[in-house]
Protein backbone atom coordinates (compact mmCIF):
# COMPACT_ATOMS: atom_id res chain seq x y z
CA MET A 1 -9.14 -27.72 3.22
CA GLU A 2 -5.96 -29.61 2.37
CA THR A 3 -2.88 -27.92 3.78
CA SER A 4 -0.98 -29.02 0.65
CA CYS A 5 -2.87 -26.40 -1.38
CA LEU A 6 -3.28 -23.82 1.37
CA LEU A 7 -0.92 -21.31 -0.23
CA SER A 8 -2.70 -21.56 -3.56
CA TRP A 9 -5.95 -20.78 -1.80
CA ILE A 10 -4.56 -17.65 -0.23
CA ILE A 11 -3.05 -16.53 -3.56
CA PHE A 12 -6.01 -17.14 -5.85
CA THR A 13 -9.02 -16.59 -3.59
CA PRO A 14 -8.97 -12.80 -4.27
CA LEU A 15 -8.80 -13.37 -8.02
CA ILE A 16 -11.65 -15.88 -7.90
CA PHE A 17 -13.83 -13.39 -6.04
CA GLY A 18 -12.85 -10.70 -8.55
CA VAL A 19 -13.94 -12.86 -11.49
CA ILE A 20 -17.25 -13.62 -9.76
CA ILE A 21 -17.91 -9.90 -9.29
CA ALA A 22 -17.05 -9.25 -12.94
CA PHE A 23 -19.90 -11.53 -14.03
CA LEU A 24 -22.52 -10.30 -11.56
CA PRO A 25 -25.50 -8.45 -13.08
CA LYS A 26 -26.10 -4.74 -12.63
CA SER A 27 -29.01 -5.39 -10.29
CA LEU A 28 -26.54 -6.62 -7.63
CA GLU A 29 -24.32 -3.53 -7.70
CA GLN A 30 -25.05 -2.78 -4.04
CA ILE A 31 -23.18 -5.86 -2.84
CA PHE A 32 -19.91 -5.40 -4.76
CA ARG A 33 -18.12 -3.76 -1.87
CA LYS A 34 -19.56 -6.23 0.62
CA ILE A 35 -18.19 -9.09 -1.49
CA ALA A 36 -14.81 -7.38 -1.59
CA LEU A 37 -14.81 -7.12 2.21
CA VAL A 38 -15.89 -10.75 2.61
CA GLN A 39 -13.01 -11.83 0.36
CA THR A 40 -10.45 -10.03 2.48
CA LEU A 41 -11.91 -11.55 5.65
CA VAL A 42 -11.74 -15.03 4.10
CA ASN A 43 -8.07 -14.49 3.30
CA ALA A 44 -7.44 -13.17 6.80
CA LEU A 45 -8.91 -16.41 8.20
CA ILE A 46 -6.77 -18.53 5.86
CA ALA A 47 -3.68 -16.53 6.86
CA THR A 48 -4.52 -16.97 10.55
CA TYR A 49 -4.88 -20.73 10.08
CA LEU A 50 -1.56 -20.70 8.25
CA TYR A 51 0.12 -18.78 11.06
CA VAL A 52 -1.24 -21.06 13.78
CA ASN A 53 -0.06 -24.19 11.96
CA PHE A 54 3.32 -22.80 10.98
CA ASP A 55 6.18 -24.54 12.81
CA GLY A 56 8.29 -21.69 14.18
CA SER A 57 11.00 -24.05 15.45
CA SER A 58 11.99 -24.92 11.89
CA GLY A 59 13.84 -22.56 9.60
CA ALA A 60 12.87 -24.56 6.53
CA ALA A 61 10.19 -23.66 4.01
CA GLN A 62 6.77 -25.12 4.78
CA PHE A 63 3.44 -25.82 3.00
CA THR A 64 5.40 -26.39 -0.20
CA GLU A 65 3.55 -26.80 -3.51
CA VAL A 66 5.28 -27.64 -6.80
CA VAL A 67 3.56 -28.09 -10.17
CA SER A 68 5.42 -28.29 -13.48
CA TRP A 69 4.79 -25.20 -15.63
CA LEU A 70 7.44 -24.70 -18.34
CA PRO A 71 9.58 -27.85 -18.04
CA ASP A 72 11.94 -26.99 -20.90
CA TRP A 73 13.12 -23.97 -18.90
CA GLY A 74 12.87 -25.67 -15.52
CA ILE A 75 10.11 -23.27 -14.50
CA ASN A 76 7.52 -24.52 -12.03
CA TYR A 77 4.57 -23.20 -10.14
CA SER A 78 6.45 -23.48 -6.85
CA VAL A 79 5.30 -21.77 -3.65
CA ALA A 80 6.26 -22.13 0.00
CA ILE A 81 6.41 -20.07 3.16
CA ASP A 82 9.05 -19.52 5.82
CA GLY A 83 9.68 -17.13 8.69
CA ILE A 84 10.57 -14.28 6.32
CA SER A 85 7.51 -14.44 4.10
CA LEU A 86 5.08 -15.36 6.91
CA PRO A 87 4.83 -11.88 8.52
CA LEU A 88 4.51 -10.22 5.10
CA VAL A 89 1.64 -12.53 4.18
CA MET A 90 -0.02 -11.72 7.51
CA LEU A 91 0.49 -7.99 6.88
CA THR A 92 -1.19 -8.27 3.48
CA ALA A 93 -4.06 -10.31 4.89
CA PHE A 94 -4.92 -7.82 7.64
CA VAL A 95 -4.22 -4.60 5.76
CA ALA A 96 -6.72 -5.55 3.04
CA PRO A 97 -9.92 -5.55 5.18
CA VAL A 98 -8.68 -2.51 7.10
CA ALA A 99 -8.19 -0.60 3.84
CA ILE A 100 -11.66 -1.48 2.60
CA LEU A 101 -13.35 -0.77 5.93
CA GLY A 102 -11.51 2.46 6.50
CA THR A 103 -11.97 4.14 3.14
CA TRP A 104 -13.25 3.74 -0.36
CA PRO A 105 -13.13 6.12 -3.34
CA ASP A 106 -16.28 8.00 -4.22
CA LEU A 107 -17.49 6.12 -7.28
CA LYS A 108 -21.07 7.41 -7.40
CA HIS A 109 -20.30 9.38 -10.55
CA VAL A 110 -18.56 6.43 -12.24
CA GLU A 111 -20.25 3.94 -14.53
CA LEU A 112 -21.04 0.55 -13.01
CA LYS A 113 -18.65 -1.32 -15.27
CA LYS A 114 -15.82 0.86 -14.03
CA GLU A 115 -16.75 0.24 -10.43
CA LYS A 116 -16.75 -3.49 -11.13
CA PHE A 117 -13.38 -3.09 -12.79
CA PHE A 118 -12.06 -1.23 -9.76
CA VAL A 119 -13.07 -4.09 -7.47
CA PHE A 120 -11.51 -6.60 -9.87
CA CYS A 121 -8.25 -4.61 -9.88
CA LEU A 122 -8.27 -4.58 -6.08
CA MET A 123 -8.64 -8.36 -6.03
CA ALA A 124 -5.97 -8.96 -8.67
CA LEU A 125 -3.61 -6.68 -6.75
CA GLN A 126 -3.94 -8.85 -3.67
CA SER A 127 -3.29 -12.06 -5.62
CA GLY A 128 -0.13 -10.54 -7.06
CA MET A 129 1.14 -9.46 -3.65
CA TYR A 130 0.53 -12.85 -2.07
CA GLY A 131 2.18 -14.62 -4.99
CA THR A 132 5.27 -12.40 -4.83
CA PHE A 133 5.83 -13.23 -1.16
CA LEU A 134 5.19 -16.97 -1.58
CA ALA A 135 6.91 -17.82 -4.88
CA THR A 136 10.03 -19.99 -4.65
CA ASP A 137 10.58 -20.13 -8.40
CA LEU A 138 12.43 -17.11 -9.78
CA PHE A 139 10.32 -16.78 -12.92
CA LEU A 140 7.10 -17.24 -10.92
CA PHE A 141 8.32 -14.48 -8.60
CA TYR A 142 8.81 -12.24 -11.64
CA PHE A 143 5.34 -13.16 -12.95
CA PHE A 144 3.59 -12.12 -9.74
CA TRP A 145 5.85 -9.07 -9.44
CA GLU A 146 4.53 -7.86 -12.82
CA VAL A 147 0.94 -8.83 -12.03
CA VAL A 148 0.95 -6.28 -9.21
CA LEU A 149 1.93 -3.50 -11.61
CA ILE A 150 -1.12 -3.89 -13.88
CA PRO A 151 -4.02 -3.33 -11.42
CA MET A 152 -2.17 -0.50 -9.67
CA PHE A 153 -1.62 1.12 -13.08
CA PHE A 154 -5.37 1.15 -13.72
CA MET A 155 -6.32 2.15 -10.17
CA ILE A 156 -4.20 5.29 -10.36
CA GLY A 157 -4.84 5.99 -14.05
CA ILE A 158 -8.65 5.74 -13.91
CA TRP A 159 -9.59 6.67 -10.33
CA GLY A 160 -6.68 8.97 -9.47
CA GLY A 161 -6.53 12.76 -9.17
CA LYS A 162 -6.28 15.40 -11.88
CA ASP A 163 -2.62 14.58 -12.65
CA ARG A 164 -3.21 10.83 -12.65
CA ILE A 165 -1.94 10.27 -16.21
CA TYR A 166 1.42 11.82 -15.42
CA ALA A 167 1.74 9.88 -12.15
CA THR A 168 0.68 6.61 -13.78
CA THR A 169 3.10 6.97 -16.67
CA LYS A 170 5.96 7.78 -14.30
CA PHE A 171 5.11 4.86 -12.03
CA PHE A 172 4.88 2.46 -14.99
CA LEU A 173 8.12 3.57 -16.66
CA TYR A 174 10.19 3.45 -13.47
CA THR A 175 9.04 -0.01 -12.49
CA MET A 176 9.19 -1.47 -16.00
CA VAL A 177 12.81 -0.43 -16.57
CA GLY A 178 13.95 -2.30 -13.47
CA SER A 179 11.71 -5.28 -14.19
CA LEU A 180 13.10 -5.81 -17.69
CA LEU A 181 16.66 -5.95 -16.38
CA MET A 182 15.53 -8.43 -13.75
CA LEU A 183 13.96 -10.64 -16.43
CA VAL A 184 17.22 -10.68 -18.41
CA ALA A 185 19.12 -11.64 -15.24
CA ILE A 186 16.65 -14.45 -14.50
CA PHE A 187 17.17 -16.11 -17.89
CA TRP A 188 20.93 -15.61 -17.58
CA MET A 189 20.84 -17.51 -14.27
CA ILE A 190 18.63 -20.27 -15.68
CA LYS A 191 20.93 -20.73 -18.67
CA THR A 192 24.03 -20.76 -16.47
CA GLY A 193 22.47 -23.28 -14.14
CA GLN A 194 21.64 -25.56 -17.07
CA GLU A 195 25.23 -25.39 -18.31
CA VAL A 196 26.61 -26.23 -14.86
CA SER A 197 24.21 -28.93 -13.72
CA GLY A 198 22.90 -30.26 -17.01
CA PHE A 199 19.28 -29.47 -16.27
CA ALA A 200 17.29 -26.24 -16.28
CA THR A 201 15.88 -24.86 -13.03
CA ALA A 202 14.47 -21.60 -11.75
CA ASP A 203 14.13 -22.76 -8.15
CA PHE A 204 15.47 -20.35 -5.54
CA SER A 205 17.42 -22.96 -3.61
CA ASN A 206 19.05 -24.43 -6.73
CA LEU A 207 20.01 -21.08 -8.23
CA SER A 208 21.44 -19.86 -4.93
CA LYS A 209 24.03 -22.65 -5.13
CA LEU A 210 25.48 -21.29 -8.36
CA GLN A 211 28.92 -19.73 -7.97
CA PHE A 212 29.02 -16.61 -10.12
CA SER A 213 32.56 -15.23 -10.25
CA PHE A 214 33.43 -12.06 -8.39
CA ASP A 215 36.74 -10.19 -8.31
CA GLY A 216 36.95 -7.56 -5.59
CA SER A 217 40.63 -6.72 -6.07
CA SER A 218 39.68 -3.36 -7.60
CA LEU A 219 36.55 -1.35 -8.31
CA SER A 220 36.81 -1.89 -12.07
CA SER A 221 37.23 -5.64 -11.58
CA ALA A 222 34.27 -5.75 -9.19
CA LEU A 223 32.03 -3.79 -11.57
CA SER A 224 32.79 -6.12 -14.46
CA SER A 225 32.26 -9.34 -12.48
CA PRO A 226 29.26 -11.47 -13.52
CA GLN A 227 28.02 -11.56 -9.94
CA THR A 228 27.99 -7.75 -9.76
CA LEU A 229 26.08 -7.42 -13.03
CA LEU A 230 23.46 -9.87 -11.83
CA PHE A 231 23.26 -8.23 -8.43
CA PHE A 232 22.63 -4.78 -9.84
CA ALA A 233 20.11 -6.12 -12.38
CA PHE A 234 17.99 -7.41 -9.50
CA ALA A 235 18.84 -4.64 -7.05
CA LEU A 236 17.77 -1.88 -9.43
CA ALA A 237 14.30 -3.39 -9.79
CA PHE A 238 14.01 -3.74 -6.04
CA VAL A 239 15.33 -0.31 -4.97
CA ILE A 240 12.99 1.39 -7.44
CA LYS A 241 10.09 -0.32 -5.71
CA VAL A 242 11.41 0.51 -2.21
CA PRO A 243 11.90 3.38 -3.35
CA MET A 244 15.49 4.35 -2.57
CA VAL A 245 16.92 7.77 -3.37
CA PRO A 246 17.53 8.70 -6.22
CA PHE A 247 14.86 6.36 -7.68
CA HIS A 248 12.10 7.67 -5.42
CA THR A 249 10.45 10.46 -7.41
CA TRP A 250 7.59 8.30 -8.70
CA LEU A 251 6.30 7.60 -5.18
CA PRO A 252 5.02 11.03 -4.03
CA ASP A 253 3.22 11.54 -7.35
CA ALA A 254 1.68 8.07 -7.23
CA HIS A 255 0.53 8.52 -3.63
CA VAL A 256 -0.99 11.95 -4.19
CA GLN A 257 -2.91 10.87 -7.29
CA ALA A 258 -3.96 7.39 -6.14
CA PRO A 259 -7.34 6.77 -4.48
CA THR A 260 -6.90 6.41 -0.74
CA VAL A 261 -7.39 2.64 -0.71
CA GLY A 262 -4.63 2.43 -3.34
CA SER A 263 -2.32 4.58 -1.22
CA VAL A 264 -2.88 2.31 1.76
CA PHE A 265 -1.93 -0.79 -0.24
CA LEU A 266 0.97 1.02 -1.88
CA ALA A 267 2.52 2.20 1.40
CA ALA A 268 1.67 -0.80 3.53
CA VAL A 269 2.52 -3.67 1.19
CA LEU A 270 3.81 -2.78 -2.29
CA LEU A 271 6.91 -0.94 -1.06
CA LYS A 272 7.83 -4.01 1.01
CA MET A 273 8.04 -6.07 -2.16
CA GLY A 274 11.25 -4.18 -2.93
CA THR A 275 12.92 -4.79 0.42
CA TYR A 276 11.65 -8.39 0.40
CA GLY A 277 13.27 -8.90 -3.02
CA LEU A 278 16.57 -7.59 -1.70
CA MET A 279 16.37 -9.81 1.35
CA ARG A 280 15.19 -12.92 -0.48
CA ILE A 281 17.10 -12.74 -3.78
CA ALA A 282 19.64 -9.97 -4.39
CA ILE A 283 21.63 -10.23 -1.16
CA PRO A 284 21.75 -14.02 -0.46
CA MET A 285 22.19 -15.08 -4.10
CA PHE A 286 25.00 -12.59 -4.76
CA PRO A 287 26.58 -12.21 -1.30
CA GLU A 288 30.05 -11.06 -2.34
CA ALA A 289 28.80 -8.33 -4.65
CA SER A 290 26.16 -7.16 -2.17
CA HIS A 291 28.73 -7.06 0.63
CA TYR A 292 31.31 -5.24 -1.53
CA PHE A 293 28.80 -2.50 -2.42
CA SER A 294 27.00 -2.53 0.94
CA THR A 295 28.51 0.80 2.02
CA LEU A 296 27.04 2.44 -1.08
CA PHE A 297 23.55 1.20 -0.25
CA ILE A 298 23.89 2.15 3.41
CA ALA A 299 25.00 5.65 2.40
CA LEU A 300 22.03 5.96 0.04
CA GLY A 301 19.79 4.71 2.84
CA VAL A 302 21.07 7.43 5.16
CA ILE A 303 20.62 10.05 2.43
CA GLY A 304 17.08 8.81 1.92
CA ILE A 305 16.31 9.08 5.63
CA ILE A 306 17.49 12.68 5.90
CA TYR A 307 16.33 13.83 2.47
CA GLY A 308 12.87 12.28 2.90
CA ALA A 309 12.52 13.90 6.32
CA PHE A 310 13.41 17.38 5.05
CA CYS A 311 11.05 16.97 2.09
CA ALA A 312 8.27 15.96 4.50
CA LEU A 313 8.98 19.04 6.61
CA ALA A 314 8.52 21.26 3.56
CA GLN A 315 5.10 19.89 2.55
CA THR A 316 1.73 21.53 3.01
CA ASP A 317 -0.08 18.66 1.24
CA PHE A 318 -0.85 16.15 3.99
CA LYS A 319 -0.73 13.15 1.65
CA LYS A 320 2.60 14.15 0.13
CA LEU A 321 4.03 14.60 3.63
CA VAL A 322 3.15 11.01 4.51
CA ALA A 323 4.55 9.85 1.15
CA TYR A 324 7.93 11.47 1.81
CA SER A 325 7.91 10.04 5.32
CA SER A 326 7.81 6.61 3.67
CA VAL A 327 10.89 7.47 1.63
CA SER A 328 12.61 8.36 4.90
CA HIS A 329 11.51 5.33 6.89
CA MET A 330 12.35 2.81 4.18
CA GLY A 331 15.95 4.03 4.42
CA TYR A 332 16.24 2.33 7.82
CA ILE A 333 15.34 -1.01 6.28
CA MET A 334 18.05 -0.55 3.65
CA ILE A 335 20.64 0.14 6.37
CA GLY A 336 19.63 -2.96 8.29
CA LEU A 337 19.71 -5.30 5.30
CA PHE A 338 23.13 -4.16 4.07
CA SER A 339 24.76 -4.08 7.51
CA PHE A 340 25.18 -7.89 7.40
CA GLN A 341 24.43 -8.03 11.13
CA LYS A 342 21.84 -10.55 12.29
CA ILE A 343 20.05 -8.26 14.72
CA ALA A 344 19.81 -5.48 12.12
CA ILE A 345 18.55 -7.89 9.45
CA ALA A 346 15.85 -9.10 11.84
CA GLY A 347 14.99 -5.48 12.63
CA SER A 348 14.60 -4.80 8.90
CA LEU A 349 12.01 -7.55 8.60
CA TYR A 350 10.20 -6.21 11.67
CA GLN A 351 10.29 -2.69 10.26
CA MET A 352 8.74 -3.83 6.99
CA ILE A 353 5.69 -4.87 8.96
CA ASN A 354 5.73 -1.93 11.36
CA HIS A 355 6.01 0.68 8.64
CA GLY A 356 3.14 -0.97 6.80
CA ILE A 357 0.94 -0.56 9.87
CA SER A 358 1.85 3.05 10.68
CA ALA A 359 1.94 4.33 7.09
CA GLY A 360 -1.31 2.56 6.27
CA GLY A 361 -2.92 4.16 9.32
CA LEU A 362 -1.67 7.64 8.42
CA PHE A 363 -3.01 7.35 4.89
CA LEU A 364 -6.35 6.31 6.34
CA VAL A 365 -6.40 9.50 8.41
CA VAL A 366 -5.61 11.52 5.29
CA GLY A 367 -8.53 9.79 3.58
CA PHE A 368 -10.89 10.49 6.49
CA LEU A 369 -10.11 14.20 6.35
CA TYR A 370 -10.24 14.47 2.58
CA GLU A 371 -13.62 12.70 2.44
CA ARG A 372 -15.04 15.22 4.89
CA LEU A 373 -13.33 18.47 3.85
CA HIS A 374 -12.15 17.78 0.27
CA THR A 375 -8.73 19.22 0.96
CA ARG A 376 -5.32 17.91 1.96
CA ASN A 377 -3.82 21.33 2.64
CA LEU A 378 -2.47 21.32 6.20
CA GLU A 379 -2.97 25.09 6.43
CA GLU A 380 -6.74 24.64 6.08
CA PHE A 381 -7.05 22.41 9.13
CA GLY A 382 -6.62 23.22 12.81
CA GLY A 383 -8.37 22.72 16.13
CA LEU A 384 -10.00 19.43 15.16
CA ALA A 385 -9.15 17.51 18.33
CA LYS A 386 -12.28 18.76 20.11
CA VAL A 387 -14.47 18.28 17.05
CA VAL A 388 -13.35 14.75 16.10
CA PRO A 389 -11.77 13.31 19.27
CA LEU A 390 -11.77 9.68 18.07
CA MET A 391 -9.97 10.62 14.88
CA SER A 392 -7.46 12.67 16.84
CA ILE A 393 -6.71 9.69 19.10
CA GLY A 394 -6.22 7.38 16.12
CA PHE A 395 -4.06 9.97 14.39
CA MET A 396 -1.87 10.36 17.49
CA ILE A 397 -1.40 6.60 17.88
CA MET A 398 -0.27 6.25 14.25
CA THR A 399 1.99 9.28 14.70
CA LEU A 400 3.67 7.78 17.76
CA SER A 401 4.14 4.52 15.88
CA SER A 402 5.72 6.41 12.99
CA VAL A 403 8.22 8.22 15.25
CA ALA A 404 9.15 4.90 16.92
CA LEU A 405 8.09 5.78 20.46
CA PRO A 406 9.18 3.04 22.91
CA GLY A 407 6.18 0.82 23.51
CA SER A 408 5.00 1.14 19.92
CA ASN A 409 5.70 -1.22 17.04
CA GLY A 410 7.95 1.32 15.32
CA PHE A 411 10.51 1.13 18.11
CA VAL A 412 10.69 -2.67 17.78
CA GLY A 413 11.91 -2.28 14.20
CA GLU A 414 14.12 0.82 14.25
CA PHE A 415 16.06 0.12 17.44
CA PRO A 416 17.50 -3.31 16.37
CA ILE A 417 18.43 -1.82 12.99
CA LEU A 418 20.38 1.05 14.51
CA LEU A 419 21.88 -1.17 17.22
CA GLY A 420 23.14 -3.77 14.77
CA ALA A 421 24.33 -1.35 12.08
CA PHE A 422 26.19 0.75 14.69
CA GLN A 423 28.58 -2.16 15.28
CA VAL A 424 29.98 -1.88 11.74
CA HIS A 425 29.02 1.60 10.50
CA PRO A 426 28.83 3.90 13.55
CA VAL A 427 29.25 7.16 11.60
CA TYR A 428 26.46 6.33 9.17
CA VAL A 429 24.18 5.33 12.04
CA LEU A 430 24.83 8.62 13.81
CA PHE A 431 23.66 10.47 10.72
CA ALA A 432 20.70 8.11 10.38
CA GLY A 433 19.81 8.89 13.99
CA THR A 434 19.11 12.48 13.01
CA GLY A 435 16.26 11.09 10.95
CA VAL A 436 14.60 9.94 14.17
CA ILE A 437 14.62 13.54 15.42
CA LEU A 438 13.51 15.00 12.10
CA GLY A 439 10.78 12.37 11.87
CA ALA A 440 9.38 13.45 15.22
CA VAL A 441 9.49 17.08 14.08
CA TYR A 442 7.49 16.68 10.87
CA ALA A 443 5.09 14.11 12.31
CA LEU A 444 4.22 16.16 15.40
CA LYS A 445 4.09 19.33 13.30
CA ALA A 446 1.50 17.70 11.05
CA TYR A 447 -0.53 16.62 14.09
CA GLN A 448 -0.33 20.11 15.55
CA MET A 449 -1.50 21.76 12.31
CA VAL A 450 -4.43 19.37 11.92
CA MET A 451 -5.67 18.71 15.43
CA LEU A 452 -4.41 21.58 17.58
CA GLY A 453 -4.16 25.34 17.29
CA PRO A 454 -6.89 27.71 16.05
CA LYS A 455 -9.53 26.67 13.54
CA THR A 456 -8.95 28.01 10.04
CA ARG A 457 -12.42 27.33 8.62
CA THR A 458 -15.92 27.98 9.94
CA ASP A 459 -17.26 24.66 8.66
CA LEU A 460 -14.92 22.63 10.87
CA ASP A 461 -17.35 22.75 13.81
CA HIS A 462 -19.80 20.55 11.92
CA LEU A 463 -17.28 17.84 11.04
CA HIS A 464 -18.48 14.34 11.97
CA ASP A 465 -16.19 11.95 13.80
CA LEU A 466 -15.23 8.42 12.78
CA ASN A 467 -18.08 6.11 11.83
CA VAL A 468 -18.30 2.47 12.87
CA LYS A 469 -16.31 1.00 9.99
CA GLU A 470 -13.59 3.61 10.39
CA ILE A 471 -13.40 2.94 14.13
CA ILE A 472 -13.00 -0.79 13.50
CA ALA A 473 -10.22 -0.16 10.98
CA MET A 474 -8.28 2.10 13.34
CA CYS A 475 -8.81 -0.24 16.29
CA VAL A 476 -7.32 -3.17 14.35
CA LEU A 477 -4.23 -1.11 13.54
CA THR A 478 -4.01 0.15 17.14
CA ILE A 479 -4.00 -3.44 18.42
CA PHE A 480 -1.03 -4.19 16.20
CA VAL A 481 0.77 -0.97 17.18
CA PHE A 482 0.75 -1.76 20.90
CA GLY A 483 0.60 -5.54 20.60
CA ILE A 484 3.86 -5.62 18.66
CA GLY A 485 5.29 -2.79 20.77
CA PHE A 486 4.84 -4.62 24.08
CA PHE A 487 4.83 -8.27 22.95
CA PRO A 488 7.05 -8.47 19.84
CA LYS A 489 7.87 -12.13 20.46
CA SER A 490 4.21 -13.05 20.11
CA PHE A 491 4.15 -11.59 16.60
CA PHE A 492 7.65 -12.31 15.29
CA GLY A 493 8.69 -15.34 17.34
CA LYS A 494 7.89 -17.76 14.52
CA SER A 495 10.44 -15.97 12.33
CA ASP A 496 13.37 -16.48 14.72
CA ALA A 497 14.61 -19.83 13.36
CA THR A 498 14.45 -18.67 9.74
CA LEU A 499 16.21 -15.39 10.53
CA GLU A 500 18.91 -17.22 12.51
CA ASN A 501 19.57 -19.58 9.59
CA TYR A 502 19.46 -16.70 7.13
CA GLY A 503 21.95 -14.60 9.09
CA ASN A 504 24.36 -17.47 9.73
CA THR A 505 24.34 -18.57 6.08
CA LEU A 506 24.82 -15.05 4.78
CA ILE A 507 27.65 -14.21 7.15
CA GLN A 508 29.33 -17.54 6.39
CA LYS A 509 29.21 -16.87 2.64
CA VAL A 510 30.77 -13.44 3.09
CA SER A 511 33.41 -14.39 5.67
CA SER A 512 34.57 -17.45 3.72
CA LYS A 513 35.69 -15.33 0.76
């Protein structure tokens, strides 16, 4: 394999497998899921090769590929990888086989063509996620960003729960509103760049050099500045995907109605597309506007942490509890990104990965229980630790990761965020710290209601423990929980140079104004 096309392989391999499955005859229906698993393992191998050959001492983009696409608009098929996108690509590559191994929707009652379509959607979803993290052309980024929306729309709308139509419509409308504004902003930037330089370009590095005017002398002047308008056009699309309060209401509905494998992808990877967009585009391309309004986003992040935690405490639906916990935990990433402190920014990147691992694991546990008992009501569980000891161990490990216990991966992300943000916003960080306490309360309460206490149903004694594929899935996640927790440098060391350059450049842009 030529390294010059390595990124294209990792982007399009899932789609190629999906097309192959779409044309397979009905007689081979028994191997669809095996093919899907093989595809994810192939991508995991490509990602591992990519990681091993990535030069961590360089902060520059690597494995660059550029092919002319729409030359009149300066739009190219342009992909590359650096220390920011590398861990997100690795997260996607390893979450995919874990999600397929750990759970799969019951499709026995569904027609074969719909099962084939489900597998195709799963493959297309992966291609979109990889492309979003690897694109270095702004329009190509938007293209892959929208590609992700389509398969998730069908996965929830066709294979979701009884309220799937409502959840799908809400998910689609929220994300489309933000995406349309982002598209307008992209063409505005391309047109401006053509007027300034004389040639059209949609390349990240070229567009980031444009100087959009910003007047921070007053709030009204700041709001009417071109840089602010562009910043909010991008930021709205990204914070909806995060999701940040008050744009979060689509997430619990989508999680509850989605098939479990969809929830795992949604929590582990799709939400990170929003924070990645902020980190890659909105903040560095519009530094003055993002810095001017940073306190607003930090305040909303703190509100999201506390609000999401209280909502999680109030839930009796296990899946909705985990969904609201994601709203809470993503608030920490927002605080880190908008603190403009290098250690907090690095912690935000780490937390994107760490939350993906813990939230993905918790949704797997929800899926395990629902597959066996056909309920997500926490009040109908109890006393399962002795019945399913392996599941209880896996559940506890993911819980400890979620509450950021020292020695787990969650601590590696949350602690640098709070440490860095405290230097500039101590009051906000003190309030955010209450989310750590509240997070432990609702997470341990959920564990107590499911695994400890008296049994609430007579059929719980006959519950079967994790099978082989479920054990493998949880073991992979457990390795990452403690591997990152005890040896973070081994996992994130190759991002250091990129993060150092990113932080220095960002701070220089802000301090020079």
